[in-house]
Every structure is written in C-alpha cells, then in structure tokens.
C-alpha cells in the first residue's frame, strides 16, 4: 500500500495532484487545513492537505493499462463531487487515527512483552519476532470481532510483505487499518436525479427495519434538502407496515401510494412525474420462493435502470451464515447497495466487512436506534476499521 500526502492552495488542487500521481483508484483518507506558523502567518494563506492511499497492485494495473495513453479520470472522492468546504467531522484526521489506535497498540505491546517473559520463564532464549507477533495479535483481534478468517487472512497476507523486519508496530497497525478502509470502500449515498424522478427501492428480509430506515432517509431529504418526495409501499402483506409508512407520510406531508403489481408502479410514474425522489418499501417475504422473487423483479423492472437505485437492508445482528444466504438470494434478483441496521444492538461489526468483501456491493448507510430521523448516518469506513481493530 502507498499512502501519500499532497498540499495545495485549494482542496481541488490537492486532489488533482493526488490524481496525477496515484491515479483513478486512489482513495481520499483525510483532509485538513494547515495554517501558517510564526510571524509570516499574517501574510500567508492556509494550505489544504489531503492524505490519499492506493494499493500497489492497482498502480501496476493502471500503469499497464495506460502505457500508450495516460489519461486518469477523477480520483475517488468521498462525496463523488468537489465540496466547497471539507467535511472535517466526517473525515478522520491523522492525529485522531493515532489516538484511536493507541489503545490497541499498547495492548499489543503488553501482550508481546508478556509472551517474551513467558518464554524466558520456560527457559527459551530464542528472541520473539515482534513483527510476526504483532501481525498475529492483529489477526486475532479481527477474528474476535467476527471478521471471517478468510478475509482476515487476505488482509494480513496483503500487508505482511510490505513491512521490513524492523518495521515499527505503529506502522504495521496503520497499514492494516488503511487496508481495511480501502476494502470497505467509499460509501454510496442516495442522490436525486438531474431531470427525472428517481425511484429508491428498499429490499430485504422481514424485521430488519426497512420502513423505519426509509422514514429516516426520506425525512432528511424532505426537511434538510427540501426535495419533493413521495412514498410507495408494495408491502401489502402486512397491514402494520402500510400503516407505519402512512404515519410517516402524514407527519412529513408527503403522498403515499399502495401498489400491488408492476402495472401500479408504472402508473405511479405518471402520478409522481414532477417529484425528485420516490421511496419504495417492498415486502420482506422469503424470496427463495420463485413466485415471490419474480414479483419483486417485476416491480423493480417497472422502472428503467437509469431511474432507480436499490438498497438491500440487513441487520448487523444477523448471523453471518444467514447473511450469506440472504445476499446470495437477492444477488440473483438484482444489483444492490448495502444498508446495515441495528448497529446499536451488537458489539461486533465484522459482518459489515465480510458482506462487503463477499458481495463487492457498495456500502451505504448504517442505523443505530429507532429515532427518526436522527439515528442514521452514512457508513464511515474509518470508524468501522477502528471498531474492528480495537472493539469499541
């Protein structure tokens, strides 16, 4: 992995520098403003510094594919567009990374020292390879936090050869941290379409909180972004689900349409032609049943691909084996983005990394309570990586 810092007068210029050197697959890890120091601070403007990272394998692939013509597109950016002001509270500062990982580093050092003492007591004088011991302890920490052993091994194998024998523990820990962040990727957020309504389908099993999640996201677009929104529910198998969404619709002052088939969806496209976002709640029946799966496919296909986004809603408390089965079934139906609910009900978040690596589907939002619209946020890869490495 290559991690580099770039400074320029503006954030856009710093991103361009990173783009030119690292290429299209670079990920912006941190943005901060550097103020001049000393007497000259009155005469100099502050600089913007970004920290970008990229896997060496991606650099090699880019160089090979662009040997004849070097023409890099824009760098991957957290919001996928240039921001006029850095969202510092959403980006992890380098100092914050060090602070949050200090606990694990101290724990690793203590465990290694304890292991050395035990070896001495047992009469073994062979020195411990501290790098290997550190990597083993990090691996154990990932597994404790329910990262699948296959993915924990993959991460360790990808960083193990990078470090020399004299690499410091904090460099090893930082390398694993950055690798996990890159594996999690940049979250995909809902954005209104330019010139046409966009239909946002929420799919997933019963009981994961699809309806409440819709209300949380829709509330923010309605209240904060002032977008014109509407609700559609296809979950006609549960009266409570329809009434719950109707309650939210009444509170927000937005229309709700109940649909039973793809023809009703097509009709709604005329009815909501001047709206920005239409949030569609679907039934959480077992889609192992072919008839049920076909019904869902017909509903989704009633809206052209360019006018829809699909979000698979999963509970962070669901067992990994069940999550595998759920994602495989829905993958047969359609491509999707991932939303995880109930993060407040579990200590371990390894399944977020597991399912991201299993499906390669973009992560999106996470919920952590029942309050509407507060208990939801875009998934923060840095926070997830920290939890995986140090628990809470």
Protein backbone atom coordinates (compact mmCIF):
# COMPACT_ATOMS: atom_id res chain seq x y z
CA UNK A 1 0.00 0.00 0.00
CA UNK A 2 1.14 3.52 -0.81
CA UNK A 3 0.00 6.39 1.44
CA UNK A 4 0.97 9.93 0.47
CA UNK A 5 0.12 13.48 1.44
CA UNK A 6 -0.47 16.31 -1.01
CA UNK A 7 -0.62 20.03 -0.27
CA UNK A 8 -2.05 22.84 -2.39
CA UNK A 9 -3.81 26.18 -2.08
CA UNK A 10 -7.24 24.56 -2.51
CA UNK A 11 -8.75 21.17 -1.89
CA UNK A 12 -9.43 20.73 -5.61
CA UNK A 13 -5.80 21.41 -6.50
CA UNK A 14 -4.59 18.94 -3.87
CA UNK A 15 -6.93 16.27 -5.28
CA UNK A 16 -5.60 16.93 -8.77
CA UNK A 17 -2.04 16.39 -7.53
CA UNK A 18 -3.07 13.07 -5.98
CA UNK A 19 -4.91 12.10 -9.14
CA UNK A 20 -1.91 12.81 -11.34
CA UNK A 21 0.46 10.76 -9.18
CA UNK A 22 -1.66 7.90 -7.84
CA UNK A 23 -4.41 7.55 -10.45
CA UNK A 24 -8.12 6.86 -10.54
CA UNK A 25 -8.22 4.20 -7.81
CA UNK A 26 -6.74 6.40 -5.08
CA UNK A 27 -8.91 6.95 -2.02
CA UNK A 28 -9.00 10.23 -0.07
CA UNK A 29 -8.41 9.25 3.56
CA UNK A 30 -8.12 12.63 5.24
CA UNK A 31 -8.48 16.35 4.53
CA UNK A 32 -7.19 19.11 6.78
CA UNK A 33 -6.28 22.77 6.63
CA UNK A 34 -2.72 23.74 7.56
CA UNK A 35 -2.35 27.27 8.92
CA UNK A 36 0.99 29.07 8.56
CA UNK A 37 3.02 29.44 11.74
CA UNK A 38 5.29 32.16 13.03
CA UNK A 39 5.36 35.81 12.07
CA UNK A 40 4.62 35.06 8.44
CA UNK A 41 1.20 33.63 9.27
CA UNK A 42 -0.28 37.09 8.73
CA UNK A 43 0.90 37.16 5.14
CA UNK A 44 0.38 33.56 4.01
CA UNK A 45 -2.84 31.77 3.20
CA UNK A 46 -3.55 28.38 4.78
CA UNK A 47 -2.89 25.28 2.69
CA UNK A 48 -5.12 22.26 2.22
CA UNK A 49 -3.52 18.88 2.81
CA UNK A 50 -5.10 15.60 1.75
CA UNK A 51 -3.93 12.11 2.57
CA UNK A 52 -4.54 9.61 -0.25
CA UNK A 53 -3.90 5.88 -0.40
CA UNK A 54 -3.74 3.23 -3.11
CA UNK A 55 -2.87 -0.44 -3.34
CA UNK A 56 0.38 -1.08 -5.22
CA UNK A 57 -1.34 -3.75 -7.31
CA UNK A 58 -3.81 -1.16 -8.58
CA UNK A 59 -0.98 1.20 -9.53
CA UNK A 60 0.69 -1.57 -11.53
CA UNK A 61 -2.59 -2.40 -13.25
CA UNK A 62 -3.25 1.25 -14.09
CA UNK A 63 0.23 1.76 -15.49
CA UNK A 64 -0.06 -1.35 -17.63
CA UNK A 65 -3.49 -0.39 -18.97
CA UNK A 66 -2.48 3.19 -19.73
CA UNK A 67 1.01 2.62 -21.13
CA UNK A 68 0.03 4.03 -24.52
CA UNK A 69 -2.06 6.92 -23.30
CA UNK A 70 -2.10 8.30 -19.76
CA UNK A 71 -5.50 9.79 -19.06
CA UNK A 72 -6.64 9.36 -15.46
CA UNK A 73 -10.26 10.17 -14.57
CA UNK A 74 -11.14 11.87 -11.32
CA UNK A 75 -9.89 10.45 -8.04
CA UNK A 76 -12.45 8.54 -5.95
CA UNK A 77 -13.86 11.12 -3.58
CA UNK A 78 -15.98 10.64 -0.52
CA UNK A 79 -18.97 12.57 -1.87
CA UNK A 80 -18.08 11.84 -5.51
CA UNK A 81 -18.08 15.56 -6.22
CA UNK A 82 -15.96 18.54 -5.26
CA UNK A 83 -17.05 20.02 -1.95
CA UNK A 84 -16.68 23.72 -1.37
CA UNK A 85 -15.86 23.08 2.29
CA UNK A 86 -14.13 20.00 3.74
CA UNK A 87 -16.38 17.91 5.95
CA UNK A 88 -13.75 17.63 8.65
CA UNK A 89 -16.02 15.93 11.15
CA UNK A 90 -16.78 13.17 8.65
CA UNK A 91 -13.14 12.69 7.64
CA UNK A 92 -10.73 11.11 10.08
CA UNK A 93 -7.72 13.29 10.87
CA UNK A 94 -4.33 11.68 11.10
CA UNK A 95 -3.99 12.65 14.75
CA UNK A 96 -7.37 11.10 15.50
CA UNK A 97 -6.30 7.85 13.84
CA UNK A 98 -3.25 7.65 16.05
CA UNK A 99 -5.27 8.46 19.15
CA UNK A 100 -7.97 5.87 18.48
CA UNK A 101 -5.46 3.12 17.71
CA UNK A 102 -3.18 3.83 20.65
CA UNK A 103 -5.20 1.54 22.90
CA UNK A 104 -4.70 -1.43 20.60
CA UNK A 105 -1.02 -0.64 20.10
CA UNK A 106 -0.50 -0.54 23.89
CA UNK A 107 -2.37 -3.82 24.22
CA UNK A 108 -0.23 -5.43 21.53
CA UNK A 109 2.98 -4.24 23.18
CA UNK A 110 1.88 -5.59 26.56
CA UNK A 111 0.92 -8.95 25.09
CA UNK A 112 4.23 -9.27 23.25
CA UNK A 113 6.17 -8.36 26.38
CA UNK A 114 4.16 -10.89 28.38
CA UNK A 115 4.91 -13.54 25.76
CA UNK A 116 8.63 -12.74 25.96
CA UNK A 117 8.58 -13.07 29.75
CA UNK A 118 6.77 -16.39 29.49
CA UNK A 119 9.36 -17.68 27.02
CA UNK A 120 12.15 -16.70 29.42
CA UNK A 121 10.44 -18.43 32.34
CA UNK A 122 10.16 -21.58 30.26
CA UNK A 123 13.87 -21.44 29.53
CA UNK A 124 13.52 -20.48 25.89
CA UNK A 125 16.05 -17.85 24.92
CA UNK A 126 15.13 -17.54 21.25
CA UNK A 127 14.03 -13.93 20.61
CA UNK A 128 10.47 -13.33 19.52
CA UNK A 129 9.87 -11.90 16.05
CA UNK A 130 7.88 -8.88 17.19
CA UNK A 131 6.52 -8.14 13.72
CA UNK A 132 5.06 -11.62 13.37
CA UNK A 133 3.74 -11.48 16.92
CA UNK A 134 2.11 -8.12 16.22
CA UNK A 135 0.51 -9.37 13.00
CA UNK A 136 -0.77 -12.49 14.76
CA UNK A 137 -2.36 -10.41 17.51
CA UNK A 138 -3.99 -8.10 14.96
CA UNK A 139 -5.34 -11.16 13.14
CA UNK A 140 -6.76 -12.48 16.41
CA UNK A 141 -8.41 -9.12 17.07
CA UNK A 142 -10.12 -9.20 13.67
CA UNK A 143 -11.41 -12.72 14.25
CA UNK A 144 -12.64 -11.79 17.74
CA UNK A 145 -14.64 -9.01 16.09
CA UNK A 146 -16.20 -11.67 13.81
CA UNK A 147 -14.28 -10.95 10.63
CA UNK A 148 -14.35 -14.18 8.63
CA UNK A 149 -10.99 -15.96 8.83
CA UNK A 150 -10.74 -15.99 5.04
CA UNK A 151 -10.91 -12.20 4.86
CA UNK A 152 -8.70 -11.68 7.92
CA UNK A 153 -6.04 -13.86 6.26
CA UNK A 154 -6.44 -11.98 2.99
CA UNK A 155 -5.84 -8.63 4.69
CA UNK A 156 -2.85 -9.91 6.64
CA UNK A 157 -1.31 -11.55 3.57
CA UNK A 158 -1.65 -8.34 1.56
CA UNK A 159 0.22 -6.24 4.12
CA UNK A 160 2.65 -8.78 5.54
CA UNK A 161 5.19 -8.48 2.74
CA UNK A 162 5.18 -4.68 2.80
CA UNK A 163 6.97 -4.32 6.12
CA UNK A 164 10.63 -4.93 6.72
CA UNK A 165 11.86 -6.78 9.78
CA UNK A 166 12.50 -3.50 11.55
CA UNK A 167 9.07 -2.02 10.81
CA UNK A 168 7.57 -0.35 13.86
CA UNK A 169 4.41 -1.62 15.45
CA UNK A 170 2.51 1.57 14.71
CA UNK A 171 3.42 1.24 11.00
CA UNK A 172 2.09 -2.30 10.92
CA UNK A 173 -1.09 -1.29 12.72
CA UNK A 174 -1.56 1.73 10.46
CA UNK A 175 -1.03 -0.44 7.38
CA UNK A 176 -3.73 -2.90 8.44
CA UNK A 177 -6.05 -0.02 9.29
CA UNK A 178 -5.58 1.59 5.87
CA UNK A 179 -6.05 -1.75 4.12
CA UNK A 180 -9.37 -2.31 5.90
CA UNK A 181 -10.55 1.19 4.98
CA UNK A 182 -9.69 0.51 1.33
CA UNK A 183 -11.53 -2.82 1.45
CA UNK A 184 -14.64 -1.13 2.85
CA UNK A 185 -14.51 1.45 0.05
CA UNK A 186 -16.28 4.76 -0.28
CA UNK A 187 -19.95 4.69 0.77
CA UNK A 188 -22.69 5.17 -1.81
CA UNK A 189 -25.26 7.81 -0.90
CA UNK A 190 -28.67 8.49 -2.40
CA UNK A 191 -28.69 11.50 -4.71
CA UNK A 192 -31.63 12.96 -6.66
CA UNK A 193 -31.54 12.62 -10.42
CA UNK A 194 -30.95 15.66 -12.61
CA UNK A 195 -34.01 15.83 -14.84
CA UNK A 196 -36.22 12.94 -13.83
CA UNK A 197 -37.64 11.37 -10.65
CA UNK A 198 -35.51 8.67 -9.07
CA UNK A 199 -37.07 5.57 -7.52
CA UNK A 200 -35.29 4.22 -4.45
CA UNK A 201 -36.20 0.57 -3.79
CA UNK A 202 -35.60 -0.91 -0.33
CA UNK A 203 -35.42 -4.70 -0.30
CA UNK A 204 -34.55 -7.24 2.37
CA UNK A 205 -35.95 -9.75 4.85
CA UNK A 206 -38.70 -9.05 7.34
CA UNK A 207 -37.79 -7.42 10.64
CA UNK A 208 -34.60 -5.61 9.65
CA UNK A 209 -36.17 -2.15 9.81
CA UNK A 210 -36.77 -1.24 6.15
CA UNK A 211 -39.74 1.03 6.82
CA UNK A 212 -38.06 2.96 9.63
CA UNK A 213 -34.91 3.31 7.53
CA UNK A 214 -36.97 4.77 4.68
CA UNK A 215 -38.50 7.30 7.07
CA UNK A 216 -35.09 8.36 8.38
CA UNK A 217 -33.56 8.90 4.95
CA UNK A 218 -36.67 10.50 3.46
CA UNK A 219 -37.01 12.88 6.40
CA UNK A 220 -33.57 14.30 5.78
CA UNK A 221 -34.21 14.85 2.10
CA UNK A 222 -37.56 16.46 2.85
CA UNK A 223 -36.52 18.64 5.80
CA UNK A 224 -32.84 19.38 5.10
CA UNK A 225 -32.54 19.18 1.32
CA UNK A 226 -36.06 20.46 0.58
CA UNK A 227 -36.55 17.74 -2.03
CA UNK A 228 -40.01 16.82 -3.25
CA UNK A 229 -40.53 13.21 -2.15
CA UNK A 230 -43.23 10.55 -2.21
CA UNK A 231 -43.71 7.10 -0.67
CA UNK A 232 -44.78 3.87 -2.32
CA UNK A 233 -45.39 0.64 -0.43
CA UNK A 234 -45.60 -2.77 -2.01
CA UNK A 235 -45.65 -4.45 1.40
CA UNK A 236 -49.36 -5.23 1.29
CA UNK A 237 -48.90 -8.49 3.19
CA UNK A 238 -48.55 -6.67 6.49
CA UNK A 239 -51.19 -4.11 7.35
CA UNK A 240 -48.95 -2.75 10.08
CA UNK A 241 -46.25 -1.95 7.53
CA UNK A 242 -48.61 0.10 5.39
CA UNK A 243 -49.96 1.98 8.39
CA UNK A 244 -46.47 2.66 9.72
CA UNK A 245 -45.38 4.22 6.43
CA UNK A 246 -48.69 6.11 6.22
CA UNK A 247 -47.96 7.62 9.63
CA UNK A 248 -44.57 8.85 8.46
CA UNK A 249 -46.13 10.16 5.25
CA UNK A 250 -48.70 12.17 7.23
CA UNK A 251 -46.03 13.61 9.52
CA UNK A 252 -43.88 14.70 6.59
CA UNK A 253 -46.83 15.83 4.49
CA UNK A 254 -45.95 13.63 1.52
CA UNK A 255 -48.14 11.36 -0.62
CA UNK A 256 -48.28 7.58 -0.13
CA UNK A 257 -49.34 5.16 -2.85
CA UNK A 258 -50.06 1.48 -2.23
CA UNK A 259 -49.13 -0.76 -5.16
CA UNK A 260 -49.88 -4.42 -5.82
CA UNK A 261 -48.04 -5.13 -9.07
CA UNK A 262 -45.77 -3.69 -11.73
CA UNK A 263 -48.67 -2.01 -13.50
CA UNK A 264 -49.33 0.09 -10.40
CA UNK A 265 -45.66 1.12 -10.34
CA UNK A 266 -45.85 2.18 -13.98
CA UNK A 267 -48.97 4.20 -13.19
CA UNK A 268 -47.17 5.93 -10.33
CA UNK A 269 -44.53 7.21 -12.75
CA UNK A 270 -47.19 9.43 -14.29
CA UNK A 271 -48.57 10.45 -10.91
CA UNK A 272 -45.15 11.38 -9.49
CA UNK A 273 -43.55 12.72 -12.65
CA UNK A 274 -42.68 16.07 -11.04
CA UNK A 275 -41.18 14.60 -7.85
CA UNK A 276 -37.48 14.27 -7.01
CA UNK A 277 -37.31 11.04 -5.01
CA UNK A 278 -39.82 8.22 -4.64
CA UNK A 279 -39.04 5.79 -1.82
CA UNK A 280 -40.40 2.27 -2.41
CA UNK A 281 -40.93 -0.14 0.51
CA UNK A 282 -41.11 -3.80 -0.55
CA UNK A 283 -42.39 -6.91 1.19
CA UNK A 284 -39.92 -8.91 3.23
CA UNK A 285 -41.18 -12.32 2.25
CA UNK A 286 -38.90 -15.28 1.57
CA UNK A 287 -37.50 -14.79 -1.89
CA UNK A 288 -36.33 -18.37 -2.00
CA UNK A 289 -39.87 -18.82 -3.27
CA UNK A 290 -39.60 -18.35 -7.05
CA UNK A 291 -43.04 -16.71 -7.34
CA UNK A 292 -42.15 -14.13 -4.70
CA UNK A 293 -38.81 -13.45 -6.36
CA UNK A 294 -40.45 -13.00 -9.75
CA UNK A 295 -42.92 -10.49 -8.24
CA UNK A 296 -40.08 -8.41 -6.84
CA UNK A 297 -38.16 -8.49 -10.12
CA UNK A 298 -41.26 -7.28 -11.99
CA UNK A 299 -41.72 -4.40 -9.54
CA UNK A 300 -38.13 -3.27 -9.89
CA UNK A 301 -38.05 -3.68 -13.67
CA UNK A 302 -41.13 -1.47 -14.00
CA UNK A 303 -38.71 1.45 -13.55
CA UNK A 304 -35.83 1.89 -16.06
CA UNK A 305 -32.36 1.19 -14.66
CA UNK A 306 -31.19 4.77 -15.08
CA UNK A 307 -34.09 5.99 -12.92
CA UNK A 308 -33.71 3.65 -9.94
CA UNK A 309 -31.40 2.68 -7.11
CA UNK A 310 -31.74 -0.45 -4.99
CA UNK A 311 -30.70 -0.85 -1.36
CA UNK A 312 -30.55 -4.18 0.44
CA UNK A 313 -31.30 -3.61 4.11
CA UNK A 314 -29.61 -6.05 6.51
CA UNK A 315 -29.44 -6.27 10.28
CA UNK A 316 -25.97 -6.17 11.83
CA UNK A 317 -27.27 -8.67 14.40
CA UNK A 318 -27.99 -11.40 11.84
CA UNK A 319 -25.69 -14.43 11.83
CA UNK A 320 -23.06 -14.42 9.11
CA UNK A 321 -24.26 -17.68 7.54
CA UNK A 322 -27.77 -16.25 7.26
CA UNK A 323 -26.40 -13.04 5.75
CA UNK A 324 -24.56 -15.09 3.13
CA UNK A 325 -27.79 -16.87 2.18
CA UNK A 326 -29.78 -13.60 2.07
CA UNK A 327 -27.27 -11.74 -0.08
CA UNK A 328 -26.94 -14.66 -2.49
CA UNK A 329 -30.69 -14.84 -2.98
CA UNK A 330 -31.05 -11.12 -3.59
CA UNK A 331 -27.98 -11.06 -5.84
CA UNK A 332 -29.90 -13.38 -8.17
CA UNK A 333 -32.59 -10.74 -8.36
CA UNK A 334 -30.65 -7.51 -8.83
CA UNK A 335 -27.55 -5.48 -8.06
CA UNK A 336 -27.81 -3.51 -4.84
CA UNK A 337 -26.13 -1.23 -2.31
CA UNK A 338 -25.88 -2.23 1.35
CA UNK A 339 -27.58 -0.68 4.38
CA UNK A 340 -26.90 -2.12 7.85
CA UNK A 341 -29.37 -1.56 10.69
CA UNK A 342 -29.24 -2.13 14.47
CA UNK A 343 -25.57 -1.30 14.99
CA UNK A 344 -26.57 -0.26 18.50
CA UNK A 345 -27.62 -3.84 19.25
CA UNK A 346 -24.28 -5.53 18.59
CA UNK A 347 -20.71 -5.19 19.81
CA UNK A 348 -19.16 -6.79 16.75
CA UNK A 349 -19.24 -5.31 13.25
CA UNK A 350 -17.15 -7.86 11.37
CA UNK A 351 -20.12 -8.80 9.21
CA UNK A 352 -20.05 -5.37 7.58
CA UNK A 353 -16.58 -6.10 6.22
CA UNK A 354 -17.49 -9.73 5.48
CA UNK A 355 -20.52 -8.91 3.38
CA UNK A 356 -18.79 -6.02 1.64
CA UNK A 357 -15.95 -8.35 0.57
CA UNK A 358 -18.31 -11.23 -0.25
CA UNK A 359 -20.67 -9.25 -2.50
CA UNK A 360 -18.50 -6.32 -3.58
CA UNK A 361 -21.68 -4.27 -3.23
CA UNK A 362 -21.10 -0.65 -2.14
CA UNK A 363 -21.79 0.16 1.50
CA UNK A 364 -24.25 2.97 2.10
CA UNK A 365 -25.97 3.81 5.40
CA UNK A 366 -25.99 2.47 8.95
CA UNK A 367 -28.70 2.88 11.58
CA UNK A 368 -28.24 2.70 15.34
CA UNK A 369 -31.60 3.28 17.01
CA UNK A 370 -35.30 3.95 16.44
CA UNK A 371 -35.31 7.75 16.48
CA UNK A 372 -36.44 9.33 13.21
CA UNK A 373 -34.59 10.98 11.55
CA UNK A 374 -31.57 11.09 13.87
CA UNK A 375 -30.34 7.52 14.26
CA UNK A 376 -28.83 7.06 10.82
CA UNK A 377 -25.62 8.11 9.09
CA UNK A 378 -23.55 7.26 6.07
CA UNK A 379 -21.33 4.28 6.93
CA UNK A 380 -17.94 5.60 8.00
CA UNK A 381 -15.19 3.19 6.86
CA UNK A 382 -12.71 4.74 9.29
CA UNK A 383 -15.00 4.15 12.27
CA UNK A 384 -15.71 0.57 11.19
CA UNK A 385 -11.98 -0.11 10.79
CA UNK A 386 -11.29 1.27 14.26
CA UNK A 387 -14.01 -0.90 15.80
CA UNK A 388 -12.63 -3.97 14.06
CA UNK A 389 -9.16 -3.32 15.41
CA UNK A 390 -9.99 -2.23 18.91
CA UNK A 391 -13.51 -3.43 19.69
CA UNK A 392 -15.49 -0.42 20.89
